[in-house]
Amino acid sequence: QVQLVESGGGLVQPGGSLRLSCVASGHTSSRYAMGWFRQAPGKDREWLATITWSSDGTFHADSVRGRFTISRDNAENTLYLQMNSLKPEDTGVYYCARGSSSDDLNPSTFHYWGQGTQVTVSN
């Protein structure tokens, strides 16, 4: 199974930026859509963004559209989430996930998760 490892989280002030990375290791030859989700304490996991294998299609949640941008570098087996204009309500554990096909961006088709990286937005 492919292992997904997130990094890049940390403490940032409101209005600041962070760039999260997710590196896939193990068997990485298959072509899958990828995505980002987050979970705040006491809340359900929330979908943020998904991207096709070829990066020819992306899908961002209303709550982050215009602030967050998903991208990927398949040669490096790495998924990114550029987060700008961060708000306190963005605080949570951020997870990358693998989809079930190359092009389906429906969040319900994402079933494989990394361990997460903590993002805290606070003064």
N, C-alpha and C. Protein backbone atom coordinates (compact mmCIF):
# COMPACT_ATOMS: atom_id res chain seq x y z
N GLN A 1 0.84 -1.19 0.00
CA GLN A 1 0.00 0.00 0.00
C GLN A 1 0.87 1.24 0.00
N VAL A 2 0.41 2.29 -0.64
CA VAL A 2 1.13 3.56 -0.67
C VAL A 2 1.04 4.22 0.70
N GLN A 3 2.17 4.75 1.16
CA GLN A 3 2.20 5.51 2.40
C GLN A 3 2.18 7.00 2.08
N LEU A 4 1.37 7.76 2.81
CA LEU A 4 1.23 9.19 2.62
C LEU A 4 1.71 9.90 3.87
N VAL A 5 2.65 10.82 3.71
CA VAL A 5 3.23 11.53 4.85
C VAL A 5 3.14 13.02 4.61
N GLU A 6 2.38 13.70 5.46
CA GLU A 6 2.21 15.15 5.37
C GLU A 6 3.29 15.87 6.16
N SER A 7 3.63 17.08 5.72
CA SER A 7 4.55 17.93 6.44
C SER A 7 4.25 19.38 6.11
N GLY A 8 4.85 20.30 6.86
CA GLY A 8 4.71 21.72 6.58
C GLY A 8 3.77 22.46 7.50
N GLY A 9 3.10 21.77 8.40
CA GLY A 9 2.22 22.43 9.34
C GLY A 9 3.00 23.19 10.39
N GLY A 10 2.28 23.97 11.17
CA GLY A 10 2.90 24.75 12.22
C GLY A 10 2.00 25.85 12.71
N LEU A 11 2.58 26.77 13.46
CA LEU A 11 1.87 27.91 14.01
C LEU A 11 2.08 29.12 13.11
N VAL A 12 0.98 29.77 12.74
CA VAL A 12 1.05 30.93 11.87
C VAL A 12 0.02 31.96 12.33
N GLN A 13 0.33 33.23 12.15
CA GLN A 13 -0.60 34.29 12.52
C GLN A 13 -1.72 34.42 11.49
N PRO A 14 -2.88 34.91 11.91
CA PRO A 14 -3.94 35.18 10.93
C PRO A 14 -3.43 36.07 9.80
N GLY A 15 -3.82 35.72 8.58
CA GLY A 15 -3.34 36.42 7.41
C GLY A 15 -2.06 35.86 6.83
N GLY A 16 -1.43 34.96 7.53
CA GLY A 16 -0.19 34.36 7.08
C GLY A 16 -0.40 33.23 6.10
N SER A 17 0.70 32.59 5.72
CA SER A 17 0.68 31.53 4.72
C SER A 17 1.47 30.32 5.19
N LEU A 18 1.07 29.16 4.71
CA LEU A 18 1.81 27.92 4.88
C LEU A 18 1.68 27.11 3.61
N ARG A 19 2.68 26.28 3.36
CA ARG A 19 2.63 25.35 2.25
C ARG A 19 2.80 23.94 2.79
N LEU A 20 1.77 23.13 2.66
CA LEU A 20 1.81 21.75 3.10
C LEU A 20 2.27 20.85 1.97
N SER A 21 2.98 19.80 2.33
CA SER A 21 3.42 18.80 1.37
C SER A 21 2.96 17.43 1.81
N CYS A 22 2.75 16.56 0.86
CA CYS A 22 2.40 15.18 1.13
C CYS A 22 3.19 14.31 0.17
N VAL A 23 4.07 13.49 0.71
CA VAL A 23 4.92 12.63 -0.09
C VAL A 23 4.38 11.20 -0.05
N ALA A 24 4.20 10.63 -1.21
CA ALA A 24 3.76 9.25 -1.33
C ALA A 24 4.98 8.35 -1.50
N SER A 25 5.01 7.27 -0.77
CA SER A 25 6.10 6.30 -0.89
C SER A 25 5.52 4.89 -0.97
N GLY A 26 6.39 3.95 -1.27
CA GLY A 26 5.93 2.59 -1.48
C GLY A 26 5.60 2.39 -2.95
N HIS A 27 4.47 1.77 -3.21
CA HIS A 27 4.05 1.53 -4.58
C HIS A 27 3.33 2.76 -5.12
N THR A 28 4.04 3.55 -5.94
CA THR A 28 3.52 4.83 -6.42
C THR A 28 3.31 4.87 -7.93
N SER A 29 3.33 3.73 -8.59
CA SER A 29 3.19 3.71 -10.04
C SER A 29 1.76 3.92 -10.52
N SER A 30 0.76 3.67 -9.68
CA SER A 30 -0.63 3.87 -10.07
C SER A 30 -0.96 5.35 -10.14
N ARG A 31 -1.92 5.69 -10.98
CA ARG A 31 -2.28 7.08 -11.22
C ARG A 31 -3.62 7.40 -10.55
N TYR A 32 -3.53 8.15 -9.45
CA TYR A 32 -4.71 8.47 -8.67
C TYR A 32 -4.90 9.95 -8.48
N ALA A 33 -6.16 10.37 -8.43
CA ALA A 33 -6.47 11.70 -7.93
C ALA A 33 -6.04 11.80 -6.47
N MET A 34 -5.73 13.01 -6.04
CA MET A 34 -5.32 13.24 -4.66
C MET A 34 -6.11 14.40 -4.07
N GLY A 35 -6.12 14.49 -2.76
CA GLY A 35 -6.87 15.56 -2.13
C GLY A 35 -6.35 15.92 -0.76
N TRP A 36 -6.88 17.02 -0.25
CA TRP A 36 -6.59 17.49 1.10
C TRP A 36 -7.88 17.60 1.89
N PHE A 37 -7.82 17.19 3.15
CA PHE A 37 -8.91 17.29 4.10
C PHE A 37 -8.36 17.85 5.41
N ARG A 38 -9.24 18.32 6.26
CA ARG A 38 -8.80 18.77 7.58
C ARG A 38 -9.85 18.40 8.62
N GLN A 39 -9.41 18.39 9.88
CA GLN A 39 -10.31 18.06 10.97
C GLN A 39 -9.94 18.90 12.19
N ALA A 40 -10.90 19.67 12.66
CA ALA A 40 -10.74 20.43 13.89
C ALA A 40 -11.22 19.58 15.07
N PRO A 41 -10.71 19.83 16.29
CA PRO A 41 -11.16 19.06 17.45
C PRO A 41 -12.67 19.09 17.61
N GLY A 42 -13.26 17.92 17.78
CA GLY A 42 -14.69 17.81 17.98
C GLY A 42 -15.53 17.95 16.72
N LYS A 43 -14.89 18.07 15.57
CA LYS A 43 -15.62 18.24 14.32
C LYS A 43 -15.32 17.09 13.36
N ASP A 44 -16.19 16.93 12.38
CA ASP A 44 -15.99 15.93 11.35
C ASP A 44 -14.88 16.35 10.41
N ARG A 45 -14.31 15.37 9.74
CA ARG A 45 -13.30 15.67 8.74
C ARG A 45 -13.95 16.41 7.57
N GLU A 46 -13.30 17.47 7.12
CA GLU A 46 -13.83 18.36 6.11
C GLU A 46 -12.98 18.29 4.84
N TRP A 47 -13.64 18.11 3.71
CA TRP A 47 -12.94 18.13 2.43
C TRP A 47 -12.52 19.56 2.08
N LEU A 48 -11.31 19.70 1.54
CA LEU A 48 -10.79 21.00 1.15
C LEU A 48 -10.58 21.14 -0.35
N ALA A 49 -9.90 20.17 -0.94
CA ALA A 49 -9.55 20.29 -2.35
C ALA A 49 -9.14 18.94 -2.90
N THR A 50 -9.36 18.74 -4.19
CA THR A 50 -8.93 17.53 -4.88
C THR A 50 -8.34 17.91 -6.23
N ILE A 51 -7.51 17.02 -6.77
CA ILE A 51 -6.81 17.27 -8.03
C ILE A 51 -6.66 15.95 -8.78
N THR A 52 -6.84 16.02 -10.11
CA THR A 52 -6.67 14.83 -10.93
C THR A 52 -5.21 14.43 -11.02
N TRP A 53 -4.96 13.22 -11.53
CA TRP A 53 -3.60 12.74 -11.72
C TRP A 53 -2.78 13.70 -12.57
N SER A 54 -3.35 14.15 -13.69
CA SER A 54 -2.62 14.98 -14.64
C SER A 54 -2.65 16.47 -14.30
N SER A 55 -3.33 16.85 -13.23
CA SER A 55 -3.50 18.25 -12.82
C SER A 55 -4.34 19.06 -13.81
N ASP A 56 -5.10 18.39 -14.67
CA ASP A 56 -5.95 19.10 -15.60
C ASP A 56 -7.31 19.45 -15.01
N GLY A 57 -7.54 19.07 -13.77
CA GLY A 57 -8.76 19.42 -13.09
C GLY A 57 -8.54 19.54 -11.60
N THR A 58 -9.11 20.58 -11.00
CA THR A 58 -9.06 20.77 -9.56
C THR A 58 -10.43 21.16 -9.05
N PHE A 59 -10.64 20.94 -7.77
CA PHE A 59 -11.92 21.19 -7.14
C PHE A 59 -11.63 21.67 -5.72
N HIS A 60 -12.04 22.89 -5.40
CA HIS A 60 -11.78 23.48 -4.09
C HIS A 60 -13.09 23.77 -3.37
N ALA A 61 -13.10 23.54 -2.07
CA ALA A 61 -14.27 23.83 -1.26
C ALA A 61 -14.51 25.33 -1.19
N ASP A 62 -15.79 25.72 -1.04
CA ASP A 62 -16.13 27.13 -0.97
C ASP A 62 -15.39 27.84 0.15
N SER A 63 -15.16 27.15 1.26
CA SER A 63 -14.54 27.77 2.42
C SER A 63 -13.09 28.17 2.19
N VAL A 64 -12.44 27.58 1.18
CA VAL A 64 -11.02 27.86 0.95
C VAL A 64 -10.74 28.37 -0.46
N ARG A 65 -11.72 28.37 -1.32
CA ARG A 65 -11.51 28.81 -2.70
C ARG A 65 -11.02 30.25 -2.73
N GLY A 66 -9.95 30.49 -3.50
CA GLY A 66 -9.35 31.80 -3.56
C GLY A 66 -8.26 32.02 -2.54
N ARG A 67 -8.18 31.15 -1.53
CA ARG A 67 -7.13 31.25 -0.52
C ARG A 67 -6.17 30.06 -0.57
N PHE A 68 -6.71 28.87 -0.81
CA PHE A 68 -5.90 27.65 -0.87
C PHE A 68 -5.80 27.18 -2.31
N THR A 69 -4.67 26.60 -2.67
CA THR A 69 -4.47 26.06 -4.00
C THR A 69 -3.81 24.69 -3.90
N ILE A 70 -4.45 23.69 -4.48
CA ILE A 70 -3.89 22.35 -4.51
C ILE A 70 -3.05 22.19 -5.79
N SER A 71 -1.95 21.48 -5.69
CA SER A 71 -1.11 21.18 -6.84
C SER A 71 -0.34 19.89 -6.57
N ARG A 72 0.33 19.37 -7.59
CA ARG A 72 1.09 18.15 -7.41
C ARG A 72 2.26 18.10 -8.37
N ASP A 73 3.26 17.31 -7.98
CA ASP A 73 4.43 17.04 -8.81
C ASP A 73 4.57 15.53 -8.84
N ASN A 74 4.09 14.92 -9.91
CA ASN A 74 4.07 13.47 -9.98
C ASN A 74 5.47 12.87 -10.07
N ALA A 75 6.41 13.60 -10.66
CA ALA A 75 7.78 13.11 -10.74
C ALA A 75 8.39 12.94 -9.36
N GLU A 76 7.93 13.75 -8.41
CA GLU A 76 8.43 13.68 -7.04
C GLU A 76 7.44 12.99 -6.10
N ASN A 77 6.35 12.49 -6.64
CA ASN A 77 5.32 11.82 -5.84
C ASN A 77 4.84 12.70 -4.69
N THR A 78 4.66 13.99 -4.98
CA THR A 78 4.35 14.95 -3.94
C THR A 78 3.11 15.76 -4.27
N LEU A 79 2.25 15.92 -3.29
CA LEU A 79 1.06 16.75 -3.35
C LEU A 79 1.28 17.98 -2.48
N TYR A 80 0.79 19.13 -2.92
CA TYR A 80 0.97 20.37 -2.18
C TYR A 80 -0.37 21.04 -1.89
N LEU A 81 -0.38 21.82 -0.82
CA LEU A 81 -1.49 22.72 -0.54
C LEU A 81 -0.91 24.06 -0.11
N GLN A 82 -1.00 25.04 -0.99
CA GLN A 82 -0.59 26.39 -0.66
C GLN A 82 -1.74 27.08 0.03
N MET A 83 -1.52 27.56 1.25
CA MET A 83 -2.56 28.17 2.06
C MET A 83 -2.17 29.62 2.33
N ASN A 84 -2.98 30.54 1.84
CA ASN A 84 -2.77 31.96 2.04
C ASN A 84 -3.95 32.56 2.80
N SER A 85 -3.74 33.76 3.34
CA SER A 85 -4.79 34.47 4.06
C SER A 85 -5.44 33.59 5.12
N LEU A 86 -4.62 32.93 5.90
CA LEU A 86 -5.13 31.97 6.88
C LEU A 86 -5.94 32.65 7.97
N LYS A 87 -6.98 31.96 8.42
CA LYS A 87 -7.89 32.43 9.44
C LYS A 87 -7.85 31.49 10.64
N PRO A 88 -8.21 31.97 11.83
CA PRO A 88 -8.24 31.07 12.99
C PRO A 88 -9.09 29.83 12.77
N GLU A 89 -10.17 29.95 12.02
CA GLU A 89 -11.03 28.80 11.76
C GLU A 89 -10.40 27.77 10.84
N ASP A 90 -9.23 28.08 10.27
CA ASP A 90 -8.48 27.09 9.49
C ASP A 90 -7.68 26.14 10.37
N THR A 91 -7.65 26.38 11.66
CA THR A 91 -6.90 25.53 12.58
C THR A 91 -7.43 24.10 12.57
N GLY A 92 -6.53 23.15 12.53
CA GLY A 92 -6.91 21.75 12.56
C GLY A 92 -5.78 20.86 12.09
N VAL A 93 -6.05 19.58 12.03
CA VAL A 93 -5.11 18.62 11.49
C VAL A 93 -5.42 18.43 10.01
N TYR A 94 -4.42 18.61 9.19
CA TYR A 94 -4.59 18.53 7.74
C TYR A 94 -4.06 17.20 7.23
N TYR A 95 -4.88 16.54 6.42
CA TYR A 95 -4.57 15.23 5.90
C TYR A 95 -4.55 15.24 4.38
N CYS A 96 -3.60 14.54 3.79
CA CYS A 96 -3.70 14.24 2.37
C CYS A 96 -4.35 12.88 2.21
N ALA A 97 -4.94 12.67 1.05
CA ALA A 97 -5.67 11.43 0.80
C ALA A 97 -5.58 11.06 -0.68
N ARG A 98 -5.70 9.77 -0.94
CA ARG A 98 -5.69 9.24 -2.29
C ARG A 98 -7.08 8.86 -2.73
N GLY A 99 -7.43 9.19 -3.95
CA GLY A 99 -8.71 8.83 -4.50
C GLY A 99 -8.75 7.41 -5.02
N SER A 100 -9.83 7.09 -5.71
CA SER A 100 -10.04 5.75 -6.22
C SER A 100 -9.81 5.61 -7.72
N SER A 101 -9.54 6.72 -8.41
CA SER A 101 -9.26 6.71 -9.83
C SER A 101 -8.42 7.92 -10.17
N SER A 102 -8.11 8.10 -11.44
CA SER A 102 -7.25 9.21 -11.84
C SER A 102 -7.98 10.54 -11.93
N ASP A 103 -9.30 10.50 -12.17
CA ASP A 103 -10.03 11.72 -12.51
C ASP A 103 -11.23 12.03 -11.64
N ASP A 104 -11.70 11.10 -10.83
CA ASP A 104 -12.88 11.33 -10.01
C ASP A 104 -12.50 12.16 -8.79
N LEU A 105 -13.03 13.37 -8.72
CA LEU A 105 -12.71 14.29 -7.62
C LEU A 105 -13.78 14.34 -6.54
N ASN A 106 -14.74 13.45 -6.60
CA ASN A 106 -15.76 13.37 -5.56
C ASN A 106 -15.10 12.99 -4.23
N PRO A 107 -15.22 13.82 -3.20
CA PRO A 107 -14.56 13.51 -1.92
C PRO A 107 -14.93 12.16 -1.33
N SER A 108 -16.11 11.65 -1.64
CA SER A 108 -16.54 10.38 -1.08
C SER A 108 -15.74 9.20 -1.62
N THR A 109 -14.96 9.39 -2.67
CA THR A 109 -14.16 8.32 -3.25
C THR A 109 -12.74 8.28 -2.69
N PHE A 110 -12.42 9.15 -1.73
CA PHE A 110 -11.09 9.20 -1.13
C PHE A 110 -11.08 8.41 0.17
N HIS A 111 -10.30 7.33 0.21
CA HIS A 111 -10.35 6.40 1.33
C HIS A 111 -9.00 6.11 1.97
N TYR A 112 -7.90 6.61 1.41
CA TYR A 112 -6.58 6.33 1.93
C TYR A 112 -5.95 7.62 2.43
N TRP A 113 -5.48 7.59 3.69
CA TRP A 113 -5.11 8.81 4.39
C TRP A 113 -3.69 8.78 4.93
N GLY A 114 -3.10 9.97 5.03
CA GLY A 114 -1.86 10.11 5.76
C GLY A 114 -2.13 10.29 7.24
N GLN A 115 -1.09 10.57 8.00
CA GLN A 115 -1.21 10.72 9.45
C GLN A 115 -1.60 12.13 9.86
N GLY A 116 -1.45 13.10 8.99
CA GLY A 116 -1.85 14.45 9.26
C GLY A 116 -0.73 15.33 9.77
N THR A 117 -0.91 16.63 9.58
CA THR A 117 0.02 17.62 10.11
C THR A 117 -0.80 18.76 10.72
N GLN A 118 -0.39 19.22 11.89
CA GLN A 118 -1.16 20.22 12.63
C GLN A 118 -0.91 21.61 12.07
N VAL A 119 -2.00 22.34 11.85
CA VAL A 119 -1.95 23.74 11.46
C VAL A 119 -2.70 24.54 12.51
N THR A 120 -2.02 25.51 13.11
CA THR A 120 -2.64 26.37 14.11
C THR A 120 -2.51 27.81 13.67
N VAL A 121 -3.64 28.49 13.55
CA VAL A 121 -3.67 29.89 13.14
C VAL A 121 -4.11 30.71 14.34
N SER A 122 -3.18 31.47 14.91
CA SER A 122 -3.46 32.20 16.14
C SER A 122 -2.44 33.31 16.33
N ASN A 123 -2.87 34.37 17.03
CA ASN A 123 -1.94 35.43 17.39
C ASN A 123 -1.12 35.03 18.60
